[in-house]
Amino acid sequence: MINYFAYGSNMDQKRMIDRGIIFHNVKSAKLYNYELKFNKVSIKQGAVANVEYKEGSIVEGMLYSVESLELLDKYEGAPKHYSRIILNIEGIDAYVYVANKEYIKEGLKPKQEYLNHLLEGKEYLSEEYFEKLKNILHD
């Protein structure tokens, strides 16, 4: 099994299933010293999620055990749009997709439809983090 940390639209387990990604053992997880940004350009969805290093910040998400990264790479556009790197997630090495610089643009906002996928991860997020996500478009 392969550990994969989801912080964006893959927090929607139905989306993972619909994409044919086989996973097990989903649990809440935190990525320390990174922040969630919506600065990855997407033609279809406006801005999509990305993580960037920022001392003292925390990104909440879901730690999946997946059988393969092949389909995830396809849907995440790796290695062209995102690079897959290994980061320590609460003592566990896990793959995390980080947007490549040429696809990053500041000042973007996600579409509500995209944001709804993140909100589907509610049971795995703190109430404070969930509320922050819910209000992204109102900031």
Protein backbone atom coordinates (compact mmCIF):
# COMPACT_ATOMS: atom_id res chain seq x y z
CA MET A 1 0.00 0.00 0.00
CA ILE A 2 1.06 3.57 -0.71
CA ASN A 3 0.34 6.52 1.60
CA TYR A 4 -1.24 9.52 -0.12
CA PHE A 5 -2.20 12.83 1.54
CA ALA A 6 -5.24 14.54 -0.01
CA TYR A 7 -5.85 18.22 0.75
CA GLY A 8 -7.89 19.22 -2.31
CA SER A 9 -10.74 17.73 -4.31
CA ASN A 10 -9.67 14.18 -3.49
CA MET A 11 -11.03 14.71 0.01
CA ASP A 12 -14.29 13.76 -1.71
CA GLN A 13 -14.24 9.96 -1.39
CA LYS A 14 -17.00 9.61 -3.97
CA ARG A 15 -14.78 11.42 -6.47
CA MET A 16 -11.95 8.98 -5.71
CA ILE A 17 -14.29 6.02 -6.24
CA ASP A 18 -15.71 7.50 -9.46
CA ARG A 19 -12.16 7.87 -10.76
CA GLY A 20 -11.46 4.21 -10.07
CA ILE A 21 -8.87 4.84 -7.37
CA ILE A 22 -8.76 1.92 -4.94
CA PHE A 23 -8.09 3.04 -1.38
CA HIS A 24 -8.20 1.75 2.19
CA ASN A 25 -7.67 3.08 5.72
CA VAL A 26 -8.69 6.72 5.34
CA LYS A 27 -7.93 8.94 8.33
CA SER A 28 -7.59 12.58 9.33
CA ALA A 29 -4.11 14.00 8.95
CA LYS A 30 -2.20 17.27 9.15
CA LEU A 31 0.67 18.56 7.06
CA TYR A 32 2.73 20.89 9.23
CA ASN A 33 4.64 23.94 7.96
CA TYR A 34 2.62 24.16 4.75
CA GLU A 35 -0.37 26.28 3.84
CA LEU A 36 -3.32 25.62 1.55
CA LYS A 37 -3.46 27.91 -1.46
CA PHE A 38 -5.84 28.13 -4.40
CA ASN A 39 -3.20 29.27 -6.85
CA LYS A 40 -2.97 26.38 -9.30
CA VAL A 41 -4.46 27.44 -12.62
CA SER A 42 -7.11 25.11 -14.04
CA ILE A 43 -8.86 25.85 -17.32
CA LYS A 44 -11.98 23.91 -16.30
CA GLN A 45 -12.19 24.77 -12.60
CA GLY A 46 -10.65 28.22 -12.16
CA ALA A 47 -8.20 27.88 -9.29
CA VAL A 48 -7.51 24.53 -7.65
CA ALA A 49 -5.74 23.57 -4.45
CA ASN A 50 -2.01 23.56 -3.89
CA VAL A 51 0.25 23.50 -0.84
CA GLU A 52 3.25 25.73 -0.27
CA TYR A 53 5.85 25.70 2.46
CA LYS A 54 5.08 28.19 5.25
CA GLU A 55 6.63 27.82 8.67
CA GLY A 56 4.01 27.47 11.40
CA SER A 57 1.06 26.78 9.08
CA ILE A 58 -1.02 23.60 8.94
CA VAL A 59 -2.93 21.97 6.09
CA GLU A 60 -5.61 19.53 7.17
CA GLY A 61 -6.61 16.67 4.93
CA MET A 62 -7.00 12.94 4.59
CA LEU A 63 -4.38 10.24 4.58
CA TYR A 64 -5.33 7.43 2.21
CA SER A 65 -3.70 4.06 1.68
CA VAL A 66 -3.93 3.57 -2.07
CA GLU A 67 -3.01 0.57 -4.18
CA SER A 68 -1.44 2.60 -6.98
CA LEU A 69 -0.55 6.18 -7.92
CA GLU A 70 -1.05 5.63 -11.65
CA LEU A 71 -4.64 6.95 -11.83
CA LEU A 72 -3.91 9.72 -9.32
CA ASP A 73 -1.04 10.88 -11.53
CA LYS A 74 -3.40 10.96 -14.51
CA TYR A 75 -6.09 12.99 -12.74
CA GLU A 76 -3.60 15.32 -11.03
CA GLY A 77 -1.73 15.92 -14.27
CA ALA A 78 1.56 14.63 -12.88
CA PRO A 79 4.31 15.21 -13.70
CA LYS A 80 3.36 18.15 -15.97
CA HIS A 81 0.99 20.11 -13.69
CA TYR A 82 1.88 18.67 -10.29
CA SER A 83 5.02 17.06 -8.92
CA ARG A 84 4.56 14.14 -6.58
CA ILE A 85 6.80 14.48 -3.53
CA ILE A 86 7.12 12.57 -0.27
CA LEU A 87 6.47 14.59 2.88
CA ASN A 88 6.18 13.58 6.51
CA ILE A 89 2.54 13.58 7.58
CA GLU A 90 2.41 13.16 11.35
CA GLY A 91 5.26 10.65 11.36
CA ILE A 92 4.21 8.86 8.16
CA ASP A 93 5.90 9.36 4.79
CA ALA A 94 3.20 10.07 2.22
CA TYR A 95 2.97 11.27 -1.35
CA VAL A 96 1.69 14.81 -1.77
CA TYR A 97 0.98 16.58 -5.07
CA VAL A 98 2.52 20.07 -5.27
CA ALA A 99 1.80 22.36 -8.23
CA ASN A 100 4.65 23.12 -10.60
CA LYS A 101 5.67 26.79 -10.66
CA GLU A 102 4.64 27.45 -14.26
CA TYR A 103 1.00 26.65 -13.33
CA ILE A 104 0.85 28.91 -10.26
CA LYS A 105 -0.83 32.31 -10.35
CA GLU A 106 -1.70 34.40 -7.30
CA GLY A 107 -5.04 36.13 -6.74
CA LEU A 108 -7.23 33.25 -7.95
CA LYS A 109 -10.34 31.83 -6.31
CA PRO A 110 -11.82 28.35 -6.73
CA LYS A 111 -15.27 27.80 -8.18
CA GLN A 112 -17.94 26.69 -5.68
CA GLU A 113 -18.33 23.37 -7.51
CA TYR A 114 -14.65 22.60 -6.93
CA LEU A 115 -14.72 23.81 -3.33
CA ASN A 116 -17.64 21.45 -2.63
CA HIS A 117 -15.29 18.49 -3.18
CA LEU A 118 -13.06 19.75 -0.36
CA LEU A 119 -16.07 20.28 1.89
CA GLU A 120 -17.01 16.61 1.46
CA GLY A 121 -14.05 15.84 3.72
CA LYS A 122 -15.82 17.51 6.66
CA GLU A 123 -15.71 14.48 8.97
CA TYR A 124 -11.90 14.41 8.65
CA LEU A 125 -11.36 18.12 9.34
CA SER A 126 -11.47 20.25 12.47
CA GLU A 127 -14.54 22.46 12.74
CA GLU A 128 -12.34 25.57 12.50
CA TYR A 129 -10.58 24.38 9.34
CA PHE A 130 -13.87 23.33 7.73
CA GLU A 131 -15.37 26.79 8.42
CA LYS A 132 -12.29 28.43 6.92
CA LEU A 133 -12.70 26.34 3.76
CA LYS A 134 -16.42 27.05 3.60
CA ASN A 135 -15.74 30.79 3.63
CA ILE A 136 -12.88 30.88 1.10
CA LEU A 137 -15.05 32.54 -1.53
CA HIS A 138 -16.24 35.22 0.92
CA ASP A 139 -12.78 36.41 1.96
